[in-house]
Amino acid sequence: MLTQFLSLFNLSPLETDAIRLSLSVAFNAVLWCLPPAIFVAWILARKIFMVSP
């Protein structure tokens, strides 16, 4: 499906592979970083911060 979409732009196979690799790296980065980030945000949201007036 991605290859068919990218073929609309008349890219070379090397460029298509580079885009596929970039999207794969971006997807995996989000997949691995989002759950710990949500957990840390949840921990920080539960803590009561002392704010001086």
PDB file of N, CA and C in Angstrom:
ATOM      1  N   MET A   1       0.818  -1.187   0.000  1.00  0.00           N
ATOM      2  CA  MET A   1       0.000   0.000   0.000  1.00  0.00           C
ATOM      3  C   MET A   1       0.870   1.262   0.000  1.00  0.00           C
ATOM      4  N   LEU A   2       1.895   1.288   0.846  1.00  0.00           N
ATOM      5  CA  LEU A   2       2.796   2.438   0.885  1.00  0.00           C
ATOM      6  C   LEU A   2       3.547   2.579  -0.423  1.00  0.00           C
ATOM      7  N   THR A   3       3.945   1.455  -0.996  1.00  0.00           N
ATOM      8  CA  THR A   3       4.678   1.489  -2.263  1.00  0.00           C
ATOM      9  C   THR A   3       3.799   2.052  -3.375  1.00  0.00           C
ATOM     10  N   GLN A   4       2.525   1.687  -3.378  1.00  0.00           N
ATOM     11  CA  GLN A   4       1.613   2.216  -4.395  1.00  0.00           C
ATOM     12  C   GLN A   4       1.429   3.717  -4.220  1.00  0.00           C
ATOM     13  N   PHE A   5       1.338   4.169  -2.977  1.00  0.00           N
ATOM     14  CA  PHE A   5       1.192   5.601  -2.717  1.00  0.00           C
ATOM     15  C   PHE A   5       2.434   6.364  -3.149  1.00  0.00           C
ATOM     16  N   LEU A   6       3.616   5.825  -2.814  1.00  0.00           N
ATOM     17  CA  LEU A   6       4.857   6.509  -3.165  1.00  0.00           C
ATOM     18  C   LEU A   6       5.128   6.482  -4.662  1.00  0.00           C
ATOM     19  N   SER A   7       4.549   5.511  -5.367  1.00  0.00           N
ATOM     20  CA  SER A   7       4.760   5.455  -6.817  1.00  0.00           C
ATOM     21  C   SER A   7       4.086   6.628  -7.526  1.00  0.00           C
ATOM     22  N   LEU A   8       3.150   7.281  -6.865  1.00  0.00           N
ATOM     23  CA  LEU A   8       2.508   8.460  -7.453  1.00  0.00           C
ATOM     24  C   LEU A   8       3.483   9.618  -7.610  1.00  0.00           C
ATOM     25  N   PHE A   9       4.549   9.628  -6.831  1.00  0.00           N
ATOM     26  CA  PHE A   9       5.513  10.725  -6.854  1.00  0.00           C
ATOM     27  C   PHE A   9       6.704  10.450  -7.768  1.00  0.00           C
ATOM     28  N   ASN A  10       6.696   9.336  -8.472  1.00  0.00           N
ATOM     29  CA  ASN A  10       7.770   8.967  -9.399  1.00  0.00           C
ATOM     30  C   ASN A  10       9.138   8.964  -8.720  1.00  0.00           C
ATOM     31  N   LEU A  11       9.218   8.327  -7.569  1.00  0.00           N
ATOM     32  CA  LEU A  11      10.477   8.230  -6.842  1.00  0.00           C
ATOM     33  C   LEU A  11      11.235   6.990  -7.281  1.00  0.00           C
ATOM     34  N   SER A  12      12.536   7.052  -7.155  1.00  0.00           N
ATOM     35  CA  SER A  12      13.357   5.888  -7.473  1.00  0.00           C
ATOM     36  C   SER A  12      13.216   4.864  -6.349  1.00  0.00           C
ATOM     37  N   PRO A  13      13.571   3.614  -6.608  1.00  0.00           N
ATOM     38  CA  PRO A  13      13.497   2.599  -5.547  1.00  0.00           C
ATOM     39  C   PRO A  13      14.356   2.954  -4.329  1.00  0.00           C
ATOM     40  N   LEU A  14      15.482   3.601  -4.557  1.00  0.00           N
ATOM     41  CA  LEU A  14      16.343   3.999  -3.442  1.00  0.00           C
ATOM     42  C   LEU A  14      15.657   5.052  -2.573  1.00  0.00           C
ATOM     43  N   GLU A  15      14.988   5.998  -3.203  1.00  0.00           N
ATOM     44  CA  GLU A  15      14.267   7.027  -2.452  1.00  0.00           C
ATOM     45  C   GLU A  15      13.076   6.428  -1.706  1.00  0.00           C
ATOM     46  N   THR A  16      12.402   5.484  -2.341  1.00  0.00           N
ATOM     47  CA  THR A  16      11.284   4.814  -1.689  1.00  0.00           C
ATOM     48  C   THR A  16      11.752   4.044  -0.463  1.00  0.00           C
ATOM     49  N   ASP A  17      12.881   3.369  -0.575  1.00  0.00           N
ATOM     50  CA  ASP A  17      13.426   2.646   0.574  1.00  0.00           C
ATOM     51  C   ASP A  17      13.821   3.596   1.694  1.00  0.00           C
ATOM     52  N   ALA A  18      14.363   4.758   1.348  1.00  0.00           N
ATOM     53  CA  ALA A  18      14.748   5.738   2.362  1.00  0.00           C
ATOM     54  C   ALA A  18      13.523   6.263   3.102  1.00  0.00           C
ATOM     55  N   ILE A  19      12.451   6.523   2.378  1.00  0.00           N
ATOM     56  CA  ILE A  19      11.222   6.997   3.015  1.00  0.00           C
ATOM     57  C   ILE A  19      10.626   5.909   3.887  1.00  0.00           C
ATOM     58  N   ARG A  20      10.633   4.675   3.402  1.00  0.00           N
ATOM     59  CA  ARG A  20      10.105   3.559   4.189  1.00  0.00           C
ATOM     60  C   ARG A  20      10.907   3.381   5.477  1.00  0.00           C
ATOM     61  N   LEU A  21      12.233   3.497   5.394  1.00  0.00           N
ATOM     62  CA  LEU A  21      13.079   3.384   6.578  1.00  0.00           C
ATOM     63  C   LEU A  21      12.805   4.523   7.555  1.00  0.00           C
ATOM     64  N   SER A  22      12.656   5.738   7.052  1.00  0.00           N
ATOM     65  CA  SER A  22      12.373   6.885   7.912  1.00  0.00           C
ATOM     66  C   SER A  22      11.047   6.714   8.644  1.00  0.00           C
ATOM     67  N   LEU A  23      10.033   6.265   7.936  1.00  0.00           N
ATOM     68  CA  LEU A  23       8.735   6.050   8.570  1.00  0.00           C
ATOM     69  C   LEU A  23       8.791   4.928   9.596  1.00  0.00           C
ATOM     70  N   SER A  24       9.555   3.893   9.304  1.00  0.00           N
ATOM     71  CA  SER A  24       9.705   2.785  10.240  1.00  0.00           C
ATOM     72  C   SER A  24      10.408   3.235  11.518  1.00  0.00           C
ATOM     73  N   VAL A  25      11.471   4.010  11.375  1.00  0.00           N
ATOM     74  CA  VAL A  25      12.193   4.513  12.546  1.00  0.00           C
ATOM     75  C   VAL A  25      11.297   5.435  13.365  1.00  0.00           C
ATOM     76  N   ALA A  26      10.557   6.313  12.703  1.00  0.00           N
ATOM     77  CA  ALA A  26       9.663   7.233  13.410  1.00  0.00           C
ATOM     78  C   ALA A  26       8.570   6.470  14.154  1.00  0.00           C
ATOM     79  N   PHE A  27       7.985   5.472  13.514  1.00  0.00           N
ATOM     80  CA  PHE A  27       6.932   4.686  14.152  1.00  0.00           C
ATOM     81  C   PHE A  27       7.474   3.941  15.368  1.00  0.00           C
ATOM     82  N   ASN A  28       8.644   3.332  15.233  1.00  0.00           N
ATOM     83  CA  ASN A  28       9.224   2.599  16.356  1.00  0.00           C
ATOM     84  C   ASN A  28       9.630   3.526  17.491  1.00  0.00           C
ATOM     85  N   ALA A  29      10.095   4.722  17.177  1.00  0.00           N
ATOM     86  CA  ALA A  29      10.448   5.685  18.221  1.00  0.00           C
ATOM     87  C   ALA A  29       9.219   6.066  19.032  1.00  0.00           C
ATOM     88  N   VAL A  30       8.122   6.319  18.348  1.00  0.00           N
ATOM     89  CA  VAL A  30       6.883   6.656  19.054  1.00  0.00           C
ATOM     90  C   VAL A  30       6.397   5.458  19.857  1.00  0.00           C
ATOM     91  N   LEU A  31       6.470   4.286  19.269  1.00  0.00           N
ATOM     92  CA  LEU A  31       5.998   3.075  19.936  1.00  0.00           C
ATOM     93  C   LEU A  31       6.757   2.809  21.232  1.00  0.00           C
ATOM     94  N   TRP A  32       8.072   3.036  21.231  1.00  0.00           N
ATOM     95  CA  TRP A  32       8.891   2.747  22.406  1.00  0.00           C
ATOM     96  C   TRP A  32       8.942   3.892  23.409  1.00  0.00           C
ATOM     97  N   CYS A  33       8.723   5.130  22.975  1.00  0.00           N
ATOM     98  CA  CYS A  33       8.845   6.287  23.876  1.00  0.00           C
ATOM     99  C   CYS A  33       7.519   6.728  24.478  1.00  0.00           C
ATOM    100  N   LEU A  34       6.428   6.470  23.815  1.00  0.00           N
ATOM    101  CA  LEU A  34       5.148   6.961  24.295  1.00  0.00           C
ATOM    102  C   LEU A  34       4.694   6.317  25.605  1.00  0.00           C
ATOM    103  N   PRO A  35       4.738   4.992  25.771  1.00  0.00           N
ATOM    104  CA  PRO A  35       4.289   4.418  27.048  1.00  0.00           C
ATOM    105  C   PRO A  35       5.079   4.912  28.266  1.00  0.00           C
ATOM    106  N   PRO A  36       6.423   4.959  28.235  1.00  0.00           N
ATOM    107  CA  PRO A  36       7.119   5.515  29.404  1.00  0.00           C
ATOM    108  C   PRO A  36       6.801   6.992  29.623  1.00  0.00           C
ATOM    109  N   ALA A  37       6.613   7.743  28.557  1.00  0.00           N
ATOM    110  CA  ALA A  37       6.285   9.162  28.698  1.00  0.00           C
ATOM    111  C   ALA A  37       4.920   9.347  29.350  1.00  0.00           C
ATOM    112  N   ILE A  38       3.961   8.532  28.969  1.00  0.00           N
ATOM    113  CA  ILE A  38       2.638   8.607  29.591  1.00  0.00           C
ATOM    114  C   ILE A  38       2.723   8.213  31.056  1.00  0.00           C
ATOM    115  N   PHE A  39       3.518   7.205  31.380  1.00  0.00           N
ATOM    116  CA  PHE A  39       3.680   6.781  32.770  1.00  0.00           C
ATOM    117  C   PHE A  39       4.309   7.889  33.610  1.00  0.00           C
ATOM    118  N   VAL A  40       5.364   8.511  33.106  1.00  0.00           N
ATOM    119  CA  VAL A  40       6.020   9.599  33.842  1.00  0.00           C
ATOM    120  C   VAL A  40       5.063  10.778  33.995  1.00  0.00           C
ATOM    121  N   ALA A  41       4.302  11.099  32.966  1.00  0.00           N
ATOM    122  CA  ALA A  41       3.329  12.184  33.055  1.00  0.00           C
ATOM    123  C   ALA A  41       2.265  11.871  34.097  1.00  0.00           C
ATOM    124  N   TRP A  42       1.849  10.627  34.165  1.00  0.00           N
ATOM    125  CA  TRP A  42       0.850  10.219  35.154  1.00  0.00           C
ATOM    126  C   TRP A  42       1.405  10.366  36.570  1.00  0.00           C
ATOM    127  N   ILE A  43       2.656   9.946  36.775  1.00  0.00           N
ATOM    128  CA  ILE A  43       3.296  10.089  38.089  1.00  0.00           C
ATOM    129  C   ILE A  43       3.403  11.564  38.462  1.00  0.00           C
ATOM    130  N   LEU A  44       3.844  12.397  37.531  1.00  0.00           N
ATOM    131  CA  LEU A  44       3.993  13.822  37.819  1.00  0.00           C
ATOM    132  C   LEU A  44       2.649  14.504  38.055  1.00  0.00           C
ATOM    133  N   ALA A  45       1.610  14.043  37.392  1.00  0.00           N
ATOM    134  CA  ALA A  45       0.290  14.646  37.566  1.00  0.00           C
ATOM    135  C   ALA A  45      -0.304  14.305  38.925  1.00  0.00           C
ATOM    136  N   ARG A  46       0.087  13.192  39.510  1.00  0.00           N
ATOM    137  CA  ARG A  46      -0.441  12.794  40.816  1.00  0.00           C
ATOM    138  C   ARG A  46       0.211  13.552  41.957  1.00  0.00           C
ATOM    139  N   LYS A  47       1.435  13.998  41.749  1.00  0.00           N
ATOM    140  CA  LYS A  47       2.182  14.654  42.813  1.00  0.00           C
ATOM    141  C   LYS A  47       1.641  16.066  43.038  1.00  0.00           C
ATOM    142  N   ILE A  48       1.533  16.440  44.308  1.00  0.00           N
ATOM    143  CA  ILE A  48       1.091  17.785  44.662  1.00  0.00           C
ATOM    144  C   ILE A  48       2.325  18.666  44.799  1.00  0.00           C
ATOM    145  N   PHE A  49       2.387  19.711  44.002  1.00  0.00           N
ATOM    146  CA  PHE A  49       3.526  20.612  44.029  1.00  0.00           C
ATOM    147  C   PHE A  49       3.218  21.788  44.941  1.00  0.00           C
ATOM    148  N   MET A  50       4.192  22.135  45.768  1.00  0.00           N
ATOM    149  CA  MET A  50       4.047  23.292  46.646  1.00  0.00           C
ATOM    150  C   MET A  50       4.394  24.541  45.843  1.00  0.00           C
ATOM    151  N   VAL A  51       3.421  25.411  45.693  1.00  0.00           N
ATOM    152  CA  VAL A  51       3.632  26.638  44.939  1.00  0.00           C
ATOM    153  C   VAL A  51       3.616  27.792  45.920  1.00  0.00           C
ATOM    154  N   SER A  52       4.689  28.575  45.940  1.00  0.00           N
ATOM    155  CA  SER A  52       4.735  29.713  46.861  1.00  0.00           C
ATOM    156  C   SER A  52       4.009  30.900  46.236  1.00  0.00           C
ATOM    157  N   PRO A  53       3.239  31.622  47.056  1.00  0.00           N
ATOM    158  CA  PRO A  53       2.470  32.762  46.516  1.00  0.00           C
ATOM    159  C   PRO A  53       3.342  33.945  46.185  1.00  0.00           C
TER     160      PRO A  53
END
